[in-house]
Amino acid sequence: MELIKQIKEAEQQAKEIVEKAKRDATELADQTRRQRSDMLRQAQEQRLKAIQQAVDAAQQQGRKEVEALAAEGKKQRDALLSTSRSKIDELAGKVLASLWN
């Protein structure tokens, strides 16, 4: 009788050990899924942040290039205007001189 009681207790303990192992495995799997989800979320946030930084840097560089090109264009227009103006004045003077003569 005592042996049967010990066997039943051993079976009950084995059942409890198996159930605890199942609970532990389930908790570990859940914890691993949560960690993986957190890591994926963080990676996505970092990726979006890196993309935004690249876009911001490209926009800033583009603005600088536009400003530099605009300044160079103005400089070239001013130079062309100053050389053209003196030539126009010179030619106008020649035309007027030929008309007066």
Protein backbone atom coordinates (compact mmCIF):
# COMPACT_ATOMS: atom_id res chain seq x y z
CA MET A 1 0.00 0.00 0.00
CA GLU A 2 2.79 2.39 0.87
CA LEU A 3 4.51 1.60 -2.42
CA ILE A 4 1.37 2.48 -4.40
CA LYS A 5 1.10 5.75 -2.49
CA GLN A 6 4.75 6.56 -3.28
CA ILE A 7 4.22 5.71 -6.96
CA LYS A 8 1.17 7.99 -7.12
CA GLU A 9 3.12 10.79 -5.42
CA ALA A 10 5.99 10.28 -7.85
CA GLU A 11 3.53 10.39 -10.77
CA GLN A 12 1.97 13.56 -9.37
CA GLN A 13 5.40 15.14 -8.93
CA ALA A 14 6.36 14.13 -12.47
CA LYS A 15 3.10 15.63 -13.76
CA GLU A 16 3.78 18.88 -11.86
CA ILE A 17 7.34 18.97 -13.19
CA VAL A 18 6.09 18.51 -16.77
CA GLU A 19 3.41 21.19 -16.32
CA LYS A 20 5.95 23.59 -14.81
CA ALA A 21 8.33 22.87 -17.69
CA LYS A 22 5.51 23.61 -20.16
CA ARG A 23 4.69 26.89 -18.38
CA ASP A 24 8.36 27.84 -18.28
CA ALA A 25 8.79 27.00 -21.96
CA THR A 26 5.69 29.02 -22.86
CA GLU A 27 6.88 31.98 -20.79
CA LEU A 28 10.34 31.77 -22.36
CA ALA A 29 8.82 31.64 -25.85
CA ASP A 30 6.62 34.65 -25.04
CA GLN A 31 9.55 36.55 -23.61
CA THR A 32 11.64 35.74 -26.69
CA ARG A 33 8.83 36.93 -28.98
CA ARG A 34 8.52 40.18 -27.01
CA GLN A 35 12.28 40.75 -27.17
CA ARG A 36 12.30 40.02 -30.90
CA SER A 37 9.38 42.38 -31.42
CA ASP A 38 11.14 45.10 -29.40
CA MET A 39 14.36 44.61 -31.35
CA LEU A 40 12.49 44.80 -34.67
CA ARG A 41 10.69 47.96 -33.54
CA GLN A 42 13.96 49.55 -32.46
CA ALA A 43 15.63 48.56 -35.73
CA GLN A 44 12.73 50.07 -37.68
CA GLU A 45 12.94 53.29 -35.66
CA GLN A 46 16.69 53.49 -36.25
CA ARG A 47 16.19 52.84 -39.96
CA LEU A 48 13.57 55.58 -40.22
CA LYS A 49 15.79 57.95 -38.24
CA ALA A 50 18.74 57.21 -40.54
CA ILE A 51 16.55 57.77 -43.61
CA GLN A 52 15.30 61.09 -42.22
CA GLN A 53 18.85 62.19 -41.42
CA ALA A 54 19.94 61.29 -44.96
CA VAL A 55 17.00 63.21 -46.42
CA ASP A 56 17.75 66.23 -44.22
CA ALA A 57 21.43 66.14 -45.18
CA ALA A 58 20.55 65.85 -48.88
CA GLN A 59 18.11 68.77 -48.64
CA GLN A 60 20.68 70.91 -46.87
CA GLN A 61 23.34 70.02 -49.44
CA GLY A 62 20.85 70.74 -52.23
CA ARG A 63 20.06 74.17 -50.76
CA LYS A 64 23.77 74.97 -50.52
CA GLU A 65 24.31 73.93 -54.14
CA VAL A 66 21.32 75.99 -55.30
CA GLU A 67 22.61 79.03 -53.41
CA ALA A 68 26.10 78.56 -54.86
CA LEU A 69 24.71 78.17 -58.39
CA ALA A 70 22.47 81.21 -57.95
CA ALA A 71 25.41 83.28 -56.72
CA GLU A 72 27.57 82.09 -59.62
CA GLY A 73 24.76 82.85 -62.09
CA LYS A 74 24.34 86.36 -60.66
CA LYS A 75 28.08 86.91 -60.85
CA GLN A 76 28.14 85.80 -64.50
CA ARG A 77 25.10 87.96 -65.36
CA ASP A 78 26.68 90.98 -63.69
CA ALA A 79 29.96 90.39 -65.53
CA LEU A 80 28.15 89.98 -68.85
CA LEU A 81 26.07 93.07 -68.20
CA SER A 82 29.11 95.19 -67.35
CA THR A 83 31.02 94.07 -70.46
CA SER A 84 27.90 94.41 -72.63
CA ARG A 85 27.09 97.85 -71.30
CA SER A 86 30.50 99.25 -72.22
CA LYS A 87 30.26 97.71 -75.69
CA ILE A 88 26.71 99.02 -76.13
CA ASP A 89 27.81 102.50 -75.07
CA GLU A 90 30.79 102.32 -77.43
CA LEU A 91 28.65 101.17 -80.38
CA ALA A 92 25.95 103.73 -79.61
CA GLY A 93 28.63 106.40 -79.62
CA LYS A 94 29.88 105.23 -83.01
CA VAL A 95 26.33 105.19 -84.43
CA LEU A 96 25.66 108.69 -83.13
CA ALA A 97 29.02 109.90 -84.42
CA SER A 98 28.31 108.48 -87.86
CA LEU A 99 24.86 110.10 -87.85
CA TRP A 100 26.32 113.50 -86.93
CA ASN A 101 29.01 113.31 -89.53
